């Protein structure tokens, strides 16, 4: 990441400092990629790629969906099967807020660090 890269930062409070080990940078066209993670006391700073206004969540679309989505519903929305190649980590709950769609129909899954943290706590 160079000095002029625009990013999005999300704060996440943690109780287990070992959870930092579960977070790994991602690089996939259908994810809002996690670029880096920093910790200050009990706050994780999750550094994501910035997708600016090019995508909107399904929850923000007028008359849009709400609640959790099943894999086949996501694939129908995306008009593609985004799970053809399994990810190396658990994506967590995919719902109307973290499934983002561009004006051209390109779909991205947001908040991937949450799924990584969930799967790590489930393993312990």
N, C-alpha and C. Protein backbone atom coordinates (compact mmCIF):
# COMPACT_ATOMS: atom_id res chain seq x y z
N UNK A 1 0.86 -1.16 0.00
CA UNK A 1 0.00 0.00 0.00
C UNK A 1 0.91 1.23 0.00
N UNK A 2 0.78 2.09 -1.00
CA UNK A 2 1.62 3.28 -1.02
C UNK A 2 0.94 4.44 -0.31
N UNK A 3 1.64 5.54 -0.17
CA UNK A 3 1.17 6.67 0.64
C UNK A 3 -0.07 7.37 0.10
N UNK A 4 -0.35 7.25 -1.19
CA UNK A 4 -1.50 7.97 -1.74
C UNK A 4 -2.70 7.06 -2.00
N UNK A 5 -2.69 5.87 -1.44
CA UNK A 5 -3.81 4.94 -1.58
C UNK A 5 -4.95 5.36 -0.67
N UNK A 6 -6.16 5.43 -1.22
CA UNK A 6 -7.34 5.74 -0.42
C UNK A 6 -7.88 4.43 0.13
N UNK A 7 -8.17 4.42 1.42
CA UNK A 7 -8.67 3.21 2.07
C UNK A 7 -9.89 3.55 2.91
N UNK A 8 -10.56 2.52 3.37
CA UNK A 8 -11.65 2.66 4.33
C UNK A 8 -11.20 1.99 5.62
N UNK A 9 -11.47 2.63 6.76
CA UNK A 9 -11.05 2.10 8.05
C UNK A 9 -12.28 1.79 8.89
N UNK A 10 -12.31 0.60 9.45
CA UNK A 10 -13.41 0.20 10.31
C UNK A 10 -12.81 -0.20 11.66
N UNK A 11 -13.39 0.27 12.74
CA UNK A 11 -12.93 -0.08 14.07
C UNK A 11 -13.72 -1.28 14.58
N UNK A 12 -13.01 -2.15 15.32
CA UNK A 12 -13.65 -3.34 15.88
C UNK A 12 -13.07 -3.58 17.27
N UNK A 13 -13.90 -3.58 18.27
CA UNK A 13 -13.44 -3.81 19.65
C UNK A 13 -13.22 -5.30 19.85
N UNK A 14 -12.09 -5.65 20.45
CA UNK A 14 -11.78 -7.06 20.69
C UNK A 14 -11.51 -7.30 22.17
N UNK A 15 -11.81 -8.49 22.60
CA UNK A 15 -11.50 -8.88 23.97
C UNK A 15 -10.33 -9.86 24.00
N UNK A 16 -10.08 -10.51 22.87
CA UNK A 16 -9.01 -11.49 22.77
C UNK A 16 -7.96 -10.99 21.78
N UNK A 17 -6.83 -10.59 22.28
CA UNK A 17 -5.77 -10.03 21.42
C UNK A 17 -5.21 -11.07 20.47
N UNK A 18 -5.40 -12.35 20.74
CA UNK A 18 -4.94 -13.40 19.84
C UNK A 18 -5.75 -13.43 18.54
N UNK A 19 -6.91 -12.79 18.54
CA UNK A 19 -7.75 -12.79 17.35
C UNK A 19 -7.06 -12.08 16.17
N UNK A 20 -6.09 -11.26 16.47
CA UNK A 20 -5.34 -10.57 15.41
C UNK A 20 -4.69 -11.58 14.47
N UNK A 21 -4.31 -12.74 15.00
CA UNK A 21 -3.67 -13.79 14.18
C UNK A 21 -4.62 -14.35 13.12
N UNK A 22 -5.92 -14.28 13.36
CA UNK A 22 -6.90 -14.83 12.42
C UNK A 22 -7.11 -13.96 11.20
N UNK A 23 -6.68 -12.71 11.27
CA UNK A 23 -6.95 -11.76 10.20
C UNK A 23 -5.82 -11.76 9.17
N UNK A 24 -6.17 -12.02 7.93
CA UNK A 24 -5.19 -12.07 6.85
C UNK A 24 -5.67 -11.19 5.71
N UNK A 25 -4.74 -10.50 5.06
CA UNK A 25 -5.14 -9.69 3.90
C UNK A 25 -5.79 -10.57 2.83
N UNK A 26 -6.74 -10.00 2.11
CA UNK A 26 -7.42 -10.74 1.05
C UNK A 26 -7.15 -10.07 -0.29
N UNK A 27 -7.31 -10.85 -1.34
CA UNK A 27 -7.19 -10.32 -2.70
C UNK A 27 -8.11 -11.15 -3.59
N UNK A 28 -9.31 -10.66 -3.76
CA UNK A 28 -10.30 -11.35 -4.58
C UNK A 28 -11.22 -10.31 -5.19
N UNK A 29 -11.56 -10.47 -6.43
CA UNK A 29 -12.37 -9.48 -7.15
C UNK A 29 -13.76 -9.30 -6.55
N UNK A 30 -14.27 -10.32 -5.86
CA UNK A 30 -15.62 -10.24 -5.32
C UNK A 30 -15.67 -9.96 -3.82
N UNK A 31 -14.54 -9.48 -3.28
CA UNK A 31 -14.50 -9.07 -1.88
C UNK A 31 -14.11 -7.61 -1.79
N UNK A 32 -14.62 -6.93 -0.78
CA UNK A 32 -14.04 -5.65 -0.39
C UNK A 32 -12.82 -6.08 0.42
N UNK A 33 -11.66 -6.01 -0.21
CA UNK A 33 -10.47 -6.65 0.33
C UNK A 33 -9.94 -5.99 1.60
N UNK A 34 -9.58 -6.86 2.54
CA UNK A 34 -8.92 -6.44 3.77
C UNK A 34 -7.44 -6.28 3.43
N UNK A 35 -6.93 -5.07 3.59
CA UNK A 35 -5.56 -4.77 3.20
C UNK A 35 -4.58 -4.91 4.36
N UNK A 36 -5.00 -4.50 5.55
CA UNK A 36 -4.10 -4.51 6.69
C UNK A 36 -4.91 -4.40 7.98
N UNK A 37 -4.26 -4.66 9.10
CA UNK A 37 -4.90 -4.59 10.41
C UNK A 37 -3.90 -3.99 11.39
N UNK A 38 -4.39 -3.07 12.22
CA UNK A 38 -3.58 -2.48 13.28
C UNK A 38 -4.35 -2.59 14.58
N UNK A 39 -3.63 -2.70 15.68
CA UNK A 39 -4.29 -2.80 16.97
C UNK A 39 -3.75 -1.72 17.90
N UNK A 40 -4.64 -1.07 18.61
CA UNK A 40 -4.28 -0.10 19.63
C UNK A 40 -5.12 -0.42 20.86
N UNK A 41 -4.48 -0.95 21.89
CA UNK A 41 -5.15 -1.41 23.11
C UNK A 41 -6.16 -2.49 22.74
N UNK A 42 -7.44 -2.26 22.90
CA UNK A 42 -8.45 -3.28 22.58
C UNK A 42 -9.26 -2.93 21.33
N UNK A 43 -8.72 -2.08 20.48
CA UNK A 43 -9.41 -1.70 19.25
C UNK A 43 -8.59 -2.17 18.05
N UNK A 44 -9.24 -2.93 17.18
CA UNK A 44 -8.65 -3.32 15.90
C UNK A 44 -9.04 -2.27 14.87
N UNK A 45 -8.09 -1.85 14.09
CA UNK A 45 -8.37 -0.96 12.96
C UNK A 45 -8.22 -1.81 11.71
N UNK A 46 -9.33 -2.06 11.05
CA UNK A 46 -9.37 -2.88 9.85
C UNK A 46 -9.27 -1.97 8.64
N UNK A 47 -8.25 -2.17 7.83
CA UNK A 47 -8.01 -1.32 6.67
C UNK A 47 -8.50 -2.07 5.43
N UNK A 48 -9.56 -1.54 4.83
CA UNK A 48 -10.16 -2.15 3.64
C UNK A 48 -9.89 -1.28 2.41
N UNK A 49 -9.95 -1.93 1.25
CA UNK A 49 -9.88 -1.15 0.02
C UNK A 49 -11.09 -0.21 -0.02
N UNK A 50 -10.92 0.94 -0.61
CA UNK A 50 -12.03 1.89 -0.71
C UNK A 50 -12.78 1.62 -2.01
N UNK A 51 -14.07 1.43 -1.92
CA UNK A 51 -14.86 1.24 -3.14
C UNK A 51 -15.74 2.45 -3.40
N UNK A 52 -15.54 3.52 -2.65
CA UNK A 52 -16.26 4.78 -2.76
C UNK A 52 -17.74 4.56 -3.05
N UNK A 53 -18.30 5.31 -3.95
CA UNK A 53 -19.74 5.21 -4.22
C UNK A 53 -20.04 4.27 -5.38
N UNK A 54 -19.06 3.46 -5.78
CA UNK A 54 -19.29 2.58 -6.94
C UNK A 54 -20.20 1.40 -6.61
N UNK A 55 -20.37 1.08 -5.34
CA UNK A 55 -21.23 -0.03 -4.91
C UNK A 55 -22.18 0.46 -3.82
N UNK A 56 -23.33 -0.18 -3.73
CA UNK A 56 -24.31 0.14 -2.70
C UNK A 56 -24.80 -1.18 -2.10
N UNK A 57 -25.09 -1.16 -0.79
CA UNK A 57 -25.57 -2.40 -0.16
C UNK A 57 -27.01 -2.67 -0.57
N UNK A 58 -27.39 -3.93 -0.54
CA UNK A 58 -28.78 -4.28 -0.87
C UNK A 58 -29.74 -3.62 0.10
N UNK A 59 -29.31 -3.38 1.33
CA UNK A 59 -30.15 -2.72 2.32
C UNK A 59 -30.43 -1.27 1.99
N UNK A 60 -29.54 -0.64 1.19
CA UNK A 60 -29.71 0.76 0.83
C UNK A 60 -30.54 0.96 -0.44
N UNK A 61 -30.81 -0.11 -1.14
CA UNK A 61 -31.62 -0.01 -2.36
C UNK A 61 -33.08 0.07 -1.97
N UNK A 62 -33.78 1.05 -2.49
CA UNK A 62 -35.20 1.24 -2.15
C UNK A 62 -35.98 -0.03 -2.47
N UNK A 63 -36.70 -0.51 -1.48
CA UNK A 63 -37.47 -1.74 -1.65
C UNK A 63 -36.58 -2.97 -1.67
N UNK A 64 -35.34 -2.80 -1.21
CA UNK A 64 -34.35 -3.89 -1.25
C UNK A 64 -34.64 -4.98 -0.24
N UNK A 65 -33.74 -5.93 -0.21
CA UNK A 65 -33.88 -7.09 0.66
C UNK A 65 -33.45 -6.75 2.08
N UNK A 66 -33.78 -7.63 2.99
CA UNK A 66 -33.29 -7.51 4.36
C UNK A 66 -33.05 -8.90 4.90
N UNK A 67 -32.19 -8.99 5.91
CA UNK A 67 -31.90 -10.26 6.54
C UNK A 67 -30.78 -11.02 5.86
N UNK A 68 -30.53 -12.24 6.36
CA UNK A 68 -29.46 -13.09 5.82
C UNK A 68 -29.87 -13.65 4.47
N UNK A 69 -28.86 -13.92 3.66
CA UNK A 69 -29.08 -14.45 2.32
C UNK A 69 -28.44 -15.82 2.19
N UNK A 70 -29.07 -16.69 1.40
CA UNK A 70 -28.50 -18.01 1.12
C UNK A 70 -27.61 -17.90 -0.11
N UNK A 71 -26.72 -18.88 -0.26
CA UNK A 71 -25.76 -18.87 -1.38
C UNK A 71 -26.46 -18.75 -2.73
N UNK A 72 -27.57 -19.48 -2.93
CA UNK A 72 -28.27 -19.43 -4.21
C UNK A 72 -28.92 -18.06 -4.44
N UNK A 73 -29.35 -17.38 -3.39
CA UNK A 73 -29.92 -16.04 -3.54
C UNK A 73 -28.83 -15.04 -3.94
N UNK A 74 -27.66 -15.18 -3.33
CA UNK A 74 -26.55 -14.30 -3.68
C UNK A 74 -26.15 -14.53 -5.13
N UNK A 75 -26.06 -15.79 -5.54
CA UNK A 75 -25.68 -16.11 -6.92
C UNK A 75 -26.70 -15.56 -7.91
N UNK A 76 -27.99 -15.62 -7.55
CA UNK A 76 -29.02 -15.08 -8.45
C UNK A 76 -28.90 -13.57 -8.58
N UNK A 77 -28.61 -12.90 -7.48
CA UNK A 77 -28.43 -11.45 -7.51
C UNK A 77 -27.23 -11.10 -8.36
N UNK A 78 -26.17 -11.85 -8.19
CA UNK A 78 -24.92 -11.57 -8.90
C UNK A 78 -24.96 -12.06 -10.33
N UNK A 79 -25.95 -12.88 -10.67
CA UNK A 79 -26.02 -13.54 -11.96
C UNK A 79 -24.74 -14.32 -12.24
N UNK A 80 -24.16 -14.84 -11.20
CA UNK A 80 -22.94 -15.64 -11.29
C UNK A 80 -22.81 -16.41 -9.99
N UNK A 81 -22.02 -17.43 -9.99
CA UNK A 81 -21.79 -18.18 -8.77
C UNK A 81 -20.50 -17.71 -8.14
N UNK A 82 -20.60 -16.88 -7.12
CA UNK A 82 -19.40 -16.30 -6.52
C UNK A 82 -18.68 -17.29 -5.62
N UNK A 83 -19.25 -18.47 -5.43
CA UNK A 83 -18.62 -19.46 -4.56
C UNK A 83 -18.06 -20.64 -5.33
N UNK A 84 -17.77 -20.46 -6.61
CA UNK A 84 -17.22 -21.57 -7.39
C UNK A 84 -15.89 -22.04 -6.80
N UNK A 85 -15.06 -21.12 -6.36
CA UNK A 85 -13.80 -21.47 -5.71
C UNK A 85 -13.94 -21.07 -4.24
N UNK A 86 -13.89 -22.03 -3.34
CA UNK A 86 -14.06 -21.69 -1.92
C UNK A 86 -12.97 -20.75 -1.42
N UNK A 87 -13.35 -19.86 -0.53
CA UNK A 87 -12.39 -18.97 0.10
C UNK A 87 -11.64 -19.75 1.16
N UNK A 88 -10.46 -19.27 1.51
CA UNK A 88 -9.63 -19.95 2.50
C UNK A 88 -10.07 -19.63 3.92
N UNK A 89 -11.16 -18.90 4.07
CA UNK A 89 -11.65 -18.52 5.39
C UNK A 89 -13.16 -18.44 5.33
N UNK A 90 -13.77 -18.43 6.49
CA UNK A 90 -15.23 -18.33 6.61
C UNK A 90 -15.65 -16.88 6.35
N UNK A 91 -16.65 -16.67 5.52
CA UNK A 91 -17.10 -15.32 5.19
C UNK A 91 -18.00 -14.70 6.24
N UNK A 92 -18.48 -15.50 7.18
CA UNK A 92 -19.40 -14.97 8.17
C UNK A 92 -20.80 -14.91 7.60
N UNK A 93 -21.67 -14.20 8.27
CA UNK A 93 -23.04 -14.05 7.81
C UNK A 93 -23.08 -13.04 6.68
N UNK A 94 -23.62 -13.47 5.57
CA UNK A 94 -23.79 -12.55 4.44
C UNK A 94 -25.24 -12.09 4.48
N UNK A 95 -25.42 -10.79 4.63
CA UNK A 95 -26.77 -10.25 4.70
C UNK A 95 -26.90 -9.05 3.77
N UNK A 96 -28.04 -8.38 3.86
CA UNK A 96 -28.34 -7.27 2.96
C UNK A 96 -27.42 -6.07 3.16
N UNK A 97 -26.75 -5.98 4.30
CA UNK A 97 -25.87 -4.84 4.55
C UNK A 97 -24.45 -5.06 4.03
N UNK A 98 -23.98 -6.31 3.98
CA UNK A 98 -22.61 -6.52 3.53
C UNK A 98 -22.50 -7.18 2.16
N UNK A 99 -23.57 -7.19 1.42
CA UNK A 99 -23.53 -7.60 0.02
C UNK A 99 -23.74 -6.34 -0.81
N UNK A 100 -22.70 -5.95 -1.52
CA UNK A 100 -22.70 -4.68 -2.25
C UNK A 100 -22.80 -4.93 -3.74
N UNK A 101 -23.58 -4.10 -4.41
CA UNK A 101 -23.80 -4.25 -5.85
C UNK A 101 -23.48 -2.92 -6.54
N UNK A 102 -22.75 -3.02 -7.66
CA UNK A 102 -22.47 -1.81 -8.44
C UNK A 102 -23.60 -1.56 -9.43
N UNK A 103 -23.58 -0.42 -10.09
CA UNK A 103 -24.59 -0.09 -11.09
C UNK A 103 -24.57 -1.04 -12.27
N UNK A 104 -23.45 -1.71 -12.48
CA UNK A 104 -23.33 -2.67 -13.58
C UNK A 104 -23.62 -4.10 -13.14
N UNK A 105 -23.96 -4.29 -11.85
CA UNK A 105 -24.31 -5.61 -11.35
C UNK A 105 -23.16 -6.38 -10.73
N UNK A 106 -21.98 -5.77 -10.66
CA UNK A 106 -20.84 -6.44 -10.02
C UNK A 106 -21.08 -6.51 -8.52
N UNK A 107 -20.87 -7.67 -7.93
CA UNK A 107 -21.16 -7.89 -6.52
C UNK A 107 -19.86 -8.04 -5.74
N UNK A 108 -19.82 -7.42 -4.55
CA UNK A 108 -18.70 -7.57 -3.63
C UNK A 108 -19.25 -7.87 -2.24
N UNK A 109 -18.53 -8.73 -1.52
CA UNK A 109 -18.89 -9.04 -0.14
C UNK A 109 -18.02 -8.18 0.76
N UNK A 110 -18.66 -7.46 1.66
CA UNK A 110 -17.96 -6.57 2.58
C UNK A 110 -17.82 -7.22 3.95
N UNK A 111 -17.01 -6.63 4.80
CA UNK A 111 -16.85 -7.02 6.20
C UNK A 111 -16.31 -8.43 6.36
N UNK A 112 -15.33 -8.81 5.52
CA UNK A 112 -14.79 -10.17 5.58
C UNK A 112 -14.03 -10.45 6.87
N UNK A 113 -13.48 -9.43 7.51
CA UNK A 113 -12.74 -9.65 8.76
C UNK A 113 -13.66 -10.20 9.84
N UNK A 114 -14.90 -9.81 9.83
CA UNK A 114 -15.86 -10.31 10.81
C UNK A 114 -15.99 -11.82 10.72
N UNK A 115 -16.06 -12.36 9.51
CA UNK A 115 -16.13 -13.81 9.32
C UNK A 115 -14.86 -14.51 9.77
N UNK A 116 -13.70 -13.89 9.51
CA UNK A 116 -12.44 -14.47 9.97
C UNK A 116 -12.40 -14.54 11.49
N UNK A 117 -12.87 -13.50 12.15
CA UNK A 117 -12.89 -13.47 13.61
C UNK A 117 -13.88 -14.49 14.16
N UNK A 118 -15.04 -14.64 13.50
CA UNK A 118 -16.05 -15.61 13.95
C UNK A 118 -15.50 -17.02 13.86
N UNK A 119 -14.85 -17.35 12.73
CA UNK A 119 -14.36 -18.71 12.57
C UNK A 119 -13.21 -18.98 13.53
N UNK A 120 -12.41 -17.98 13.84
CA UNK A 120 -11.31 -18.16 14.79
C UNK A 120 -11.86 -18.43 16.19
N UNK A 121 -12.88 -17.68 16.61
CA UNK A 121 -13.45 -17.89 17.95
C UNK A 121 -14.17 -19.24 18.04
N UNK A 122 -14.72 -19.72 16.92
CA UNK A 122 -15.38 -21.02 16.91
C UNK A 122 -14.37 -22.16 17.07
N UNK A 123 -13.15 -21.97 16.55
CA UNK A 123 -12.11 -22.98 16.65
C UNK A 123 -11.54 -23.09 18.06
N UNK A 124 -11.67 -22.04 18.85
CA UNK A 124 -11.06 -22.05 20.19
C UNK A 124 -11.95 -22.71 21.21
